[in-house]
Protein backbone atom coordinates (compact mmCIF):
# COMPACT_ATOMS: atom_id res chain seq x y z
CA MET A 1 12.00 32.06 -23.85
CA GLU A 2 14.66 29.48 -22.99
CA ARG A 3 14.51 27.50 -19.76
CA LEU A 4 17.66 29.20 -18.45
CA ASP A 5 16.22 32.63 -19.23
CA LEU A 6 13.02 31.76 -17.34
CA TRP A 7 15.00 30.46 -14.38
CA PHE A 8 17.17 33.58 -14.29
CA GLU A 9 14.13 35.83 -14.45
CA SER A 10 12.45 33.85 -11.65
CA ILE A 11 15.41 34.04 -9.31
CA GLN A 12 15.82 37.77 -9.99
CA GLN A 13 12.16 38.26 -9.12
CA TRP A 14 12.60 36.30 -5.90
CA TYR A 15 15.38 38.68 -4.86
CA GLU A 16 13.47 41.80 -5.90
CA ASN A 17 10.28 40.93 -3.96
CA LYS A 18 11.64 41.29 -0.43
CA GLU A 19 8.20 41.36 1.22
CA THR A 20 7.06 38.07 -0.28
CA ARG A 21 10.28 36.06 -0.02
CA GLN A 22 9.55 32.46 0.80
CA PHE A 23 12.51 30.17 1.38
CA ASP A 24 10.54 27.19 0.10
CA SER A 25 10.14 28.89 -3.26
CA LEU A 26 13.86 29.67 -3.34
CA ALA A 27 14.63 26.02 -2.58
CA ASN A 28 12.31 25.01 -5.43
CA LEU A 29 14.10 27.41 -7.76
CA LEU A 30 17.47 25.95 -6.86
CA SER A 31 16.25 22.41 -7.36
CA ALA A 32 15.11 23.46 -10.85
CA THR A 33 18.41 25.07 -11.82
CA PRO A 34 19.03 24.23 -15.47
CA ALA A 35 22.20 22.23 -16.08
CA THR A 36 23.06 24.58 -18.93
CA LEU A 37 23.78 27.30 -16.37
CA PHE A 38 27.11 25.63 -15.62
CA SER A 39 28.10 24.75 -19.18
CA SER A 40 30.40 26.64 -21.52
CA PRO A 41 30.43 29.23 -22.82
CA ILE A 42 29.75 31.37 -19.77
CA THR A 43 28.05 34.51 -20.99
CA GLN A 44 27.56 37.64 -18.91
CA GLU A 45 23.98 36.56 -18.21
CA LYS A 46 25.13 33.10 -17.09
CA SER A 47 27.77 34.70 -14.92
CA ASP A 48 25.12 36.83 -13.23
CA ALA A 49 22.84 33.81 -12.85
CA ILE A 50 25.66 31.78 -11.27
CA ALA A 51 26.20 34.58 -8.75
CA TYR A 52 22.49 34.41 -7.86
CA PHE A 53 22.76 30.63 -7.55
CA VAL A 54 25.75 30.84 -5.18
CA ASP A 55 24.10 33.52 -3.07
CA ALA A 56 20.83 31.59 -2.94
CA CYS A 57 22.66 28.50 -1.67
CA HIS A 58 24.22 30.60 1.08
CA LEU A 59 20.86 32.17 1.98
CA LEU A 60 19.25 28.77 2.28
CA GLN A 61 22.15 27.45 4.31
CA ARG A 62 21.81 30.30 6.80
CA HIS A 63 18.01 29.99 6.88
CA TYR A 64 18.04 26.25 7.57
CA GLN A 65 20.82 26.62 10.10
CA HIS A 66 18.79 29.30 11.90
CA ILE A 67 15.77 27.00 12.19
CA ASP A 68 18.01 24.11 13.29
CA ARG A 69 17.68 22.00 10.14
CA VAL A 70 21.38 21.23 10.11
CA ASP A 71 21.35 18.54 7.43
CA ASP A 72 19.40 20.76 5.04
CA ALA A 73 21.75 23.66 5.70
CA TYR A 74 24.78 21.51 5.01
CA SER A 75 23.26 20.04 1.85
CA TYR A 76 23.00 23.52 0.27
CA MET A 77 26.66 24.16 1.02
CA GLN A 78 27.55 20.85 -0.60
CA TYR A 79 25.33 21.58 -3.59
CA CYS A 80 27.00 24.93 -4.17
CA TYR A 81 30.46 23.43 -3.74
CA ALA A 82 29.71 20.61 -6.19
CA LYS A 83 28.43 22.96 -8.90
CA LEU A 84 31.42 25.28 -8.52
CA GLN A 85 33.77 22.33 -8.55
CA ALA A 86 32.24 21.09 -11.81
CA LEU A 87 32.57 24.56 -13.31
CA ALA A 88 36.21 24.82 -12.25
CA SER A 89 36.88 21.40 -13.77
CA ASP A 90 35.19 22.10 -17.10
CA THR A 91 37.92 21.80 -19.71
CA GLN A 92 36.03 24.15 -22.02
CA ALA A 93 35.43 26.88 -19.46
CA GLU A 94 37.31 30.13 -19.82
CA SER A 95 40.31 30.54 -17.53
CA ASP A 96 38.71 33.57 -15.80
CA VAL A 97 35.63 31.48 -15.00
CA LYS A 98 37.79 28.67 -13.64
CA ARG A 99 39.80 31.04 -11.44
CA TRP A 100 36.62 32.70 -10.14
CA SER A 101 35.18 29.26 -9.37
CA LEU A 102 38.34 28.23 -7.53
CA LYS A 103 38.23 31.39 -5.44
CA LYS A 104 34.58 30.74 -4.55
CA LEU A 105 35.45 27.12 -3.72
CA ASP A 106 38.03 28.33 -1.22
CA GLN A 107 35.39 30.53 0.39
CA CYS A 108 32.86 27.67 0.42
CA ILE A 109 35.25 25.23 2.04
CA VAL A 110 35.98 27.67 4.85
CA THR A 111 32.25 28.14 5.44
CA MET A 112 31.68 24.39 5.38
CA MET A 113 34.54 23.71 7.81
CA GLU A 114 33.30 26.36 10.23
CA PHE A 115 29.79 24.96 9.97
CA CYS A 116 31.00 21.43 10.76
CA GLN A 117 33.15 22.57 13.66
CA HIS A 118 30.25 24.52 15.21
CA GLN A 119 28.10 21.39 15.36
CA GLY A 120 30.18 20.13 18.29
CA LYS A 121 29.95 16.42 17.50
CA ASP A 122 32.80 14.09 16.63
CA SER A 123 31.12 13.04 13.38
CA TRP A 124 31.00 16.67 12.24
CA LEU A 125 34.63 17.21 13.23
CA ARG A 126 35.60 14.17 11.13
CA GLU A 127 33.54 15.61 8.28
CA SER A 128 35.47 18.87 8.58
CA GLU A 129 38.80 17.03 8.41
CA GLN A 130 37.66 15.04 5.41
CA LEU A 131 36.52 18.23 3.67
CA VAL A 132 39.99 19.71 4.05
CA GLU A 133 41.67 16.59 2.68
CA LEU A 134 39.33 16.36 -0.31
CA HIS A 135 39.59 20.07 -1.05
CA ILE A 136 43.39 19.93 -1.00
CA THR A 137 43.34 16.93 -3.32
CA PHE A 138 40.99 18.71 -5.71
CA MET A 139 43.02 21.94 -5.68
CA LEU A 140 46.27 20.08 -6.31
CA GLY A 141 44.69 18.70 -9.46
CA GLN A 142 43.90 22.17 -10.78
CA ASN A 143 47.42 22.84 -12.08
CA GLU A 144 47.91 25.74 -9.67
CA ARG A 145 45.22 27.87 -11.32
CA ASN A 146 44.29 29.11 -7.88
CA LEU A 147 47.85 30.40 -7.43
CA HIS A 148 47.61 32.30 -10.70
CA LEU A 149 44.53 33.99 -9.32
CA ALA A 150 46.45 35.11 -6.24
CA GLN A 151 49.18 36.54 -8.46
CA ASP A 152 46.63 38.35 -10.65
CA ILE A 153 44.96 39.93 -7.62
CA SER A 154 48.24 41.14 -6.14
CA ARG A 155 49.15 43.06 -9.31
């Protein structure tokens, strides 16, 4: 079995075993995410695995935020954002994959901004402002693919 297949099976098992869920084991799974998950071509299995990855990052963010480990919570948001950004930037990725990634990036940036603003410190507010600036710069470089997504959805 390939490394990606093993990883996908492991993360599915983590989600299925609700009674034995340990956030440390989920964090270990995410740190062992195979790089091939985010490389073209994106198969249906990879697409499903990416969805698990994104959800797992959000679960860990909420978990660490709940136990007041703010830096850890924020690092999982950044990790998710970075992987989606790389996927959206992949010149070989299918246009549907890029548009999906851009949509998820928009959702991530909102979550990250809200997170920063809720911290109540000037340094976090500056971080929030910088996030917006960097996100806008990134999106401008995407040749308006995110706008095509909005048009596709409205049809």
